Amino acid sequence: QVQLVESGGGLVQAGGSLRLSCAASGRTFSRYAMGWFRQAPGKEREFVATINWSTSSTYYTDSVKGRFTISRDNAKNTVYLQMNSLKPEDTAVYYCAASSIQYSVPRATMAQYFEIWGRGTLVTVSS
């Protein structure tokens, strides 16, 4: 069973950058599709980005395309979310998630298809 721990959140000014990391335990990390979701105060959890395990192909929600990059290093059992040109509306708790089944879009963007979750890391973007 894979366990996930996020890190890298913090306070940043608008226009700045942060890189989130999600460290996974377990020897089968390379066989999991990985995703990042976020939940802003008073809002529902929403999809941010996903990367599959076989080809490392990626998919992003429209609001972060061109600003965020998801990547993975299977040797380090880690998935990253590089966030550039941050906006105040990016403020949220960011969660890392893993799916043992490699779904195609749109299922790959839906939280219910990810069975393992981290506890989240808070990102606050000030204006």
Foldseek 3Di string as FASTA:
>chain_A
DKAKAKDWADEEAAQAKIKMKIAIDDDCLLLKKKFKWWDDPPGDIFGAKIAHNPPRDMDGDPVQPPFWDWDDDSVRRMIMIIGGRDDQVVWTWMKMFIANDDDDPPVRGDPVRTDYIYPTDTHGYHD
